[in-house]
PDB file of N, CA and C in Angstrom:
ATOM      1  N   TYR A   1      -0.717  -0.310 -11.651  1.00  0.00           N
ATOM      2  CA  TYR A   1       0.353   0.565 -12.153  1.00  0.00           C
ATOM      3  C   TYR A   1       1.184   0.229 -12.986  1.00  0.00           C
ATOM      4  N   ALA A   2       1.214  -0.364 -13.887  1.00  0.00           N
ATOM      5  CA  ALA A   2       1.863   0.250 -14.932  1.00  0.00           C
ATOM      6  C   ALA A   2       1.036   0.695 -16.369  1.00  0.00           C
ATOM      7  N   ALA A   3      -0.753   0.208 -15.963  1.00  0.00           N
ATOM      8  CA  ALA A   3      -1.547   1.077 -16.484  1.00  0.00           C
ATOM      9  C   ALA A   3      -2.093   2.787 -16.704  1.00  0.00           C
ATOM     10  N   LEU A   4      -1.223   2.890 -15.330  1.00  0.00           N
ATOM     11  CA  LEU A   4      -1.678   4.263 -15.170  1.00  0.00           C
ATOM     12  C   LEU A   4      -0.333   5.174 -15.318  1.00  0.00           C
ATOM     13  N   ARG A   5       0.324   4.364 -15.119  1.00  0.00           N
ATOM     14  CA  ARG A   5       2.189   4.736 -15.695  1.00  0.00           C
ATOM     15  C   ARG A   5       2.377   5.182 -16.849  1.00  0.00           C
ATOM     16  N   ALA A   6       1.414   4.396 -17.107  1.00  0.00           N
ATOM     17  CA  ALA A   6       1.488   4.421 -19.098  1.00  0.00           C
ATOM     18  C   ALA A   6       1.248   5.541 -18.910  1.00  0.00           C
ATOM     19  N   GLN A   7      -0.052   6.184 -18.898  1.00  0.00           N
ATOM     20  CA  GLN A   7      -1.011   7.860 -18.582  1.00  0.00           C
ATOM     21  C   GLN A   7      -0.466   9.023 -18.561  1.00  0.00           C
ATOM     22  N   ASP A   8       1.641   8.410 -17.940  1.00  0.00           N
ATOM     23  CA  ASP A   8       1.485   9.781 -17.322  1.00  0.00           C
ATOM     24  C   ASP A   8       0.753   9.936 -15.854  1.00  0.00           C
ATOM     25  N   LEU A   9       0.496   9.166 -15.383  1.00  0.00           N
ATOM     26  CA  LEU A   9      -0.299   9.880 -14.009  1.00  0.00           C
ATOM     27  C   LEU A   9       0.684  10.111 -12.216  1.00  0.00           C
ATOM     28  N   PRO A  10       0.521   9.696 -11.575  1.00  0.00           N
ATOM     29  CA  PRO A  10       1.859   9.669 -10.248  1.00  0.00           C
ATOM     30  C   PRO A  10       0.707   8.812  -9.368  1.00  0.00           C
ATOM     31  N   ALA A  11       1.381   7.293 -10.152  1.00  0.00           N
ATOM     32  CA  ALA A  11       0.927   5.963  -9.269  1.00  0.00           C
ATOM     33  C   ALA A  11       1.926   5.576  -8.303  1.00  0.00           C
ATOM     34  N   VAL A  12       1.678   4.758  -7.172  1.00  0.00           N
ATOM     35  CA  VAL A  12       2.351   3.837  -6.661  1.00  0.00           C
ATOM     36  C   VAL A  12       1.530   3.170  -6.551  1.00  0.00           C
ATOM     37  N   ARG A  13       2.594   2.194  -6.719  1.00  0.00           N
ATOM     38  CA  ARG A  13       2.264   0.396  -5.906  1.00  0.00           C
ATOM     39  C   ARG A  13       1.262   0.163  -5.301  1.00  0.00           C
ATOM     40  N   GLY A  14       0.101  -0.839  -6.153  1.00  0.00           N
ATOM     41  CA  GLY A  14      -1.385  -0.683  -5.270  1.00  0.00           C
ATOM     42  C   GLY A  14      -2.380   0.105  -5.342  1.00  0.00           C
ATOM     43  N   GLU A  15      -1.770   0.573  -6.396  1.00  0.00           N
ATOM     44  CA  GLU A  15      -3.347   1.493  -6.528  1.00  0.00           C
ATOM     45  C   GLU A  15      -3.924   0.778  -8.080  1.00  0.00           C
ATOM     46  N   VAL A  16      -5.116   1.330  -7.451  1.00  0.00           N
ATOM     47  CA  VAL A  16      -6.539   0.640  -8.646  1.00  0.00           C
ATOM     48  C   VAL A  16      -7.432   1.402  -9.124  1.00  0.00           C
ATOM     49  N   VAL A  17      -7.714   1.840 -10.578  1.00  0.00           N
ATOM     50  CA  VAL A  17      -8.488   2.813 -11.138  1.00  0.00           C
ATOM     51  C   VAL A  17      -9.794   1.722 -11.326  1.00  0.00           C
ATOM     52  N   GLU A  18     -10.824   1.526 -11.456  1.00  0.00           N
ATOM     53  CA  GLU A  18     -11.568   0.522 -11.855  1.00  0.00           C
ATOM     54  C   GLU A  18     -13.263   0.625 -12.343  1.00  0.00           C
ATOM     55  N   GLY A  19     -12.889   1.504 -13.639  1.00  0.00           N
ATOM     56  CA  GLY A  19     -13.687   1.922 -14.468  1.00  0.00           C
ATOM     57  C   GLY A  19     -15.125   3.118 -14.072  1.00  0.00           C
ATOM     58  N   ASP A  20     -15.445   3.561 -14.758  1.00  0.00           N
ATOM     59  CA  ASP A  20     -16.236   4.552 -13.973  1.00  0.00           C
ATOM     60  C   ASP A  20     -17.135   4.638 -13.111  1.00  0.00           C
ATOM     61  N   VAL A  21     -17.575   3.166 -12.725  1.00  0.00           N
ATOM     62  CA  VAL A  21     -18.475   3.100 -11.347  1.00  0.00           C
ATOM     63  C   VAL A  21     -17.443   3.157 -10.013  1.00  0.00           C
ATOM     64  N   ALA A  22     -17.016   2.090  -9.828  1.00  0.00           N
ATOM     65  CA  ALA A  22     -16.089   1.523  -8.432  1.00  0.00           C
ATOM     66  C   ALA A  22     -15.128   2.589  -8.506  1.00  0.00           C
ATOM     67  N   GLY A  23     -14.359   3.743  -9.122  1.00  0.00           N
ATOM     68  CA  GLY A  23     -13.287   4.898  -8.802  1.00  0.00           C
ATOM     69  C   GLY A  23     -11.986   4.348  -8.262  1.00  0.00           C
ATOM     70  N   TYR A  24     -11.287   5.268  -7.825  1.00  0.00           N
ATOM     71  CA  TYR A  24      -9.982   4.623  -7.371  1.00  0.00           C
ATOM     72  C   TYR A  24     -10.005   3.752  -6.342  1.00  0.00           C
ATOM     73  N   HIS A  25      -9.009   2.945  -6.445  1.00  0.00           N
ATOM     74  CA  HIS A  25      -8.965   2.538  -4.673  1.00  0.00           C
ATOM     75  C   HIS A  25      -6.981   2.458  -4.895  1.00  0.00           C
ATOM     76  N   TYR A  26      -6.920   2.290  -3.342  1.00  0.00           N
ATOM     77  CA  TYR A  26      -5.260   2.080  -3.080  1.00  0.00           C
ATOM     78  C   TYR A  26      -5.272   0.590  -2.130  1.00  0.00           C
ATOM     79  N   TYR A  27      -4.218  -0.212  -2.502  1.00  0.00           N
ATOM     80  CA  TYR A  27      -4.419  -1.353  -1.709  1.00  0.00           C
ATOM     81  C   TYR A  27      -2.822  -1.559  -1.684  1.00  0.00           C
ATOM     82  N   PRO A  28      -2.549  -0.869   0.058  1.00  0.00           N
ATOM     83  CA  PRO A  28      -1.095  -0.891   0.479  1.00  0.00           C
ATOM     84  C   PRO A  28      -1.104  -3.357   0.913  1.00  0.00           C
ATOM     85  N   GLY A  29       0.182  -3.383   0.213  1.00  0.00           N
ATOM     86  CA  GLY A  29       0.533  -4.665   1.341  1.00  0.00           C
ATOM     87  C   GLY A  29       0.491  -4.329   2.682  1.00  0.00           C
ATOM     88  N   ARG A  30      -0.503  -6.191   3.772  1.00  0.00           N
ATOM     89  CA  ARG A  30      -0.492  -5.839   4.440  1.00  0.00           C
ATOM     90  C   ARG A  30       0.952  -5.559   5.361  1.00  0.00           C
ATOM     91  N   GLU A  31       2.369  -5.938   5.178  1.00  0.00           N
ATOM     92  CA  GLU A  31       3.304  -5.627   5.961  1.00  0.00           C
ATOM     93  C   GLU A  31       3.669  -3.963   5.481  1.00  0.00           C
ATOM     94  N   ARG A  32       3.403  -3.273   4.874  1.00  0.00           N
ATOM     95  CA  ARG A  32       2.950  -1.808   4.816  1.00  0.00           C
ATOM     96  C   ARG A  32       2.259  -1.699   6.390  1.00  0.00           C
ATOM     97  N   VAL A  33       0.541  -2.004   6.041  1.00  0.00           N
ATOM     98  CA  VAL A  33       0.114  -1.624   6.937  1.00  0.00           C
ATOM     99  C   VAL A  33       0.295  -2.081   8.440  1.00  0.00           C
ATOM    100  N   ARG A  34       1.252  -3.132   8.900  1.00  0.00           N
ATOM    101  CA  ARG A  34       1.651  -3.697   9.604  1.00  0.00           C
ATOM    102  C   ARG A  34       2.618  -2.300  10.065  1.00  0.00           C
ATOM    103  N   GLY A  35       3.169  -2.264   9.189  1.00  0.00           N
ATOM    104  CA  GLY A  35       4.045  -0.775   9.482  1.00  0.00           C
ATOM    105  C   GLY A  35       3.660   0.172  10.367  1.00  0.00           C
ATOM    106  N   TRP A  36       2.978   0.495   8.953  1.00  0.00           N
ATOM    107  CA  TRP A  36       1.375   1.963   9.896  1.00  0.00           C
ATOM    108  C   TRP A  36       1.219   1.685  10.824  1.00  0.00           C
ATOM    109  N   LEU A  37       0.967   0.332  11.703  1.00  0.00           N
ATOM    110  CA  LEU A  37       0.499   0.698  13.050  1.00  0.00           C
ATOM    111  C   LEU A  37       1.386   0.507  13.647  1.00  0.00           C
ATOM    112  N   ARG A  38       2.937  -0.159  13.790  1.00  0.00           N
ATOM    113  CA  ARG A  38       3.547  -0.113  14.625  1.00  0.00           C
ATOM    114  C   ARG A  38       4.302   1.614  14.990  1.00  0.00           C
ATOM    115  N   ASP A  39       4.284   1.897  13.897  1.00  0.00           N
ATOM    116  CA  ASP A  39       4.702   3.182  12.966  1.00  0.00           C
ATOM    117  C   ASP A  39       3.764   4.639  14.216  1.00  0.00           C
ATOM    118  N   ALA A  40       2.419   3.422  14.461  1.00  0.00           N
ATOM    119  CA  ALA A  40       0.989   4.584  15.442  1.00  0.00           C
ATOM    120  C   ALA A  40       0.856   3.902  16.884  1.00  0.00           C
ATOM    121  N   ASP A  41       1.680   3.311  16.916  1.00  0.00           N
ATOM    122  CA  ASP A  41       2.043   2.684  18.218  1.00  0.00           C
ATOM    123  C   ASP A  41       0.496   1.391  18.790  1.00  0.00           C
ATOM    124  N   LEU A  42       0.555   1.316  17.599  1.00  0.00           N
ATOM    125  CA  LEU A  42      -0.844  -0.036  17.336  1.00  0.00           C
ATOM    126  C   LEU A  42      -0.335  -1.531  17.123  1.00  0.00           C
ATOM    127  N   ALA A  43      -1.011  -2.271  18.271  1.00  0.00           N
ATOM    128  CA  ALA A  43      -0.768  -3.701  18.386  1.00  0.00           C
ATOM    129  C   ALA A  43      -2.345  -4.320  17.804  1.00  0.00           C
ATOM    130  N   ILE A  44      -1.526  -5.530  16.591  1.00  0.00           N
ATOM    131  CA  ILE A  44      -2.444  -6.291  16.394  1.00  0.00           C
ATOM    132  C   ILE A  44      -3.723  -7.213  17.503  1.00  0.00           C
ATOM    133  N   VAL A  45      -4.673  -7.008  17.621  1.00  0.00           N
ATOM    134  CA  VAL A  45      -4.797  -8.076  18.978  1.00  0.00           C
ATOM    135  C   VAL A  45      -5.400  -9.651  17.822  1.00  0.00           C
ATOM    136  N   ALA A  46      -5.685  -9.435  17.067  1.00  0.00           N
ATOM    137  CA  ALA A  46      -6.290 -10.652  16.202  1.00  0.00           C
ATOM    138  C   ALA A  46      -6.812 -10.033  14.845  1.00  0.00           C
ATOM    139  N   GLU A  47      -6.787 -11.129  13.571  1.00  0.00           N
ATOM    140  CA  GLU A  47      -7.123 -10.905  12.591  1.00  0.00           C
ATOM    141  C   GLU A  47      -7.315 -12.335  11.923  1.00  0.00           C
ATOM    142  N   ASP A  48      -8.449 -11.588  11.206  1.00  0.00           N
ATOM    143  CA  ASP A  48      -9.519 -12.505   9.803  1.00  0.00           C
ATOM    144  C   ASP A  48      -9.292 -11.833   8.805  1.00  0.00           C
ATOM    145  N   THR A  49      -9.058 -12.739   7.316  1.00  0.00           N
ATOM    146  CA  THR A  49      -9.284 -12.208   6.516  1.00  0.00           C
ATOM    147  C   THR A  49     -10.972 -13.366   5.811  1.00  0.00           C
ATOM    148  N   GLU A  50     -11.381 -12.323   5.574  1.00  0.00           N
ATOM    149  CA  GLU A  50     -13.042 -13.091   4.430  1.00  0.00           C
ATOM    150  C   GLU A  50     -13.273 -13.183   3.377  1.00  0.00           C
ATOM    151  N   ALA A  51     -13.035 -13.707   1.837  1.00  0.00           N
ATOM    152  CA  ALA A  51     -12.342 -14.019   1.409  1.00  0.00           C
ATOM    153  C   ALA A  51     -14.077 -13.918   0.474  1.00  0.00           C
ATOM    154  N   HIS A  52     -14.433 -13.130  -0.454  1.00  0.00           N
ATOM    155  CA  HIS A  52     -15.333 -13.421  -1.667  1.00  0.00           C
ATOM    156  C   HIS A  52     -14.991 -13.400  -2.677  1.00  0.00           C
ATOM    157  N   GLY A  53     -14.971 -14.623  -3.613  1.00  0.00           N
ATOM    158  CA  GLY A  53     -14.431 -14.735  -4.418  1.00  0.00           C
ATOM    159  C   GLY A  53     -12.832 -13.996  -5.146  1.00  0.00           C
ATOM    160  N   THR A  54     -12.744 -12.831  -6.071  1.00  0.00           N
ATOM    161  CA  THR A  54     -11.917 -12.816  -6.341  1.00  0.00           C
ATOM    162  C   THR A  54     -11.687 -11.461  -5.505  1.00  0.00           C
ATOM    163  N   TYR A  55     -11.875 -11.566  -4.017  1.00  0.00           N
ATOM    164  CA  TYR A  55     -11.695  -9.589  -3.831  1.00  0.00           C
ATOM    165  C   TYR A  55     -11.937 -10.732  -2.044  1.00  0.00           C
ATOM    166  N   ALA A  56     -11.162 -10.169  -0.666  1.00  0.00           N
ATOM    167  CA  ALA A  56     -11.234 -10.466   0.359  1.00  0.00           C
ATOM    168  C   ALA A  56     -10.983  -9.292   1.431  1.00  0.00           C
ATOM    169  N   TYR A  57     -12.121  -9.358   2.970  1.00  0.00           N
ATOM    170  CA  TYR A  57     -11.536  -8.445   3.544  1.00  0.00           C
ATOM    171  C   TYR A  57     -10.138  -8.739   4.554  1.00  0.00           C
ATOM    172  N   TRP A  58      -9.868  -7.911   5.187  1.00  0.00           N
ATOM    173  CA  TRP A  58      -8.435  -7.899   6.065  1.00  0.00           C
ATOM    174  C   TRP A  58      -9.025  -7.431   7.117  1.00  0.00           C
ATOM    175  N   HIS A  59      -9.582  -7.736   8.422  1.00  0.00           N
ATOM    176  CA  HIS A  59     -10.427  -7.223   9.693  1.00  0.00           C
ATOM    177  C   HIS A  59      -9.303  -7.776  10.612  1.00  0.00           C
ATOM    178  N   LEU A  60      -9.122  -6.797  11.697  1.00  0.00           N
ATOM    179  CA  LEU A  60      -8.215  -6.231  12.272  1.00  0.00           C
ATOM    180  C   LEU A  60      -8.688  -5.504  13.544  1.00  0.00           C
ATOM    181  N   LEU A  61      -8.322  -6.556  15.095  1.00  0.00           N
ATOM    182  CA  LEU A  61      -8.942  -5.764  15.778  1.00  0.00           C
ATOM    183  C   LEU A  61      -7.323  -5.467  16.487  1.00  0.00           C
ATOM    184  N   LEU A  62      -7.513  -4.276  17.012  1.00  0.00           N
ATOM    185  CA  LEU A  62      -6.259  -3.525  17.289  1.00  0.00           C
ATOM    186  C   LEU A  62      -5.800  -3.324  19.019  1.00  0.00           C
ATOM    187  N   ARG A  63      -5.174  -2.784  19.698  1.00  0.00           N
ATOM    188  CA  ARG A  63      -4.898  -2.537  21.351  1.00  0.00           C
ATOM    189  C   ARG A  63      -3.706  -0.898  20.669  1.00  0.00           C
ATOM    190  N   ARG A  64      -3.919  -0.547  21.119  1.00  0.00           N
ATOM    191  CA  ARG A  64      -2.722   0.688  21.682  1.00  0.00           C
ATOM    192  C   ARG A  64      -1.143   0.024  22.526  1.00  0.00           C
ATOM    193  N   ASP A  65      -0.519   0.289  22.382  1.00  0.00           N
ATOM    194  CA  ASP A  65       1.224  -0.260  22.885  1.00  0.00           C
ATOM    195  C   ASP A  65       0.889   0.376  24.013  1.00  0.00           C
TER     196      ASP A  65
END
């Protein structure tokens, strides 16, 4: 965030630019995602985190409330 803002880019917390190969990514916090799902009338039925060294995947099974 600090590096992006130092370049006068309109960054928000959670954004990442990873060199020329990986490009731009946005990683919202889990609570923010949970809020978006609630707002969309979706409920988390099950969740799992799959770790891979320095990163992880967050898998969600959802249902419409």
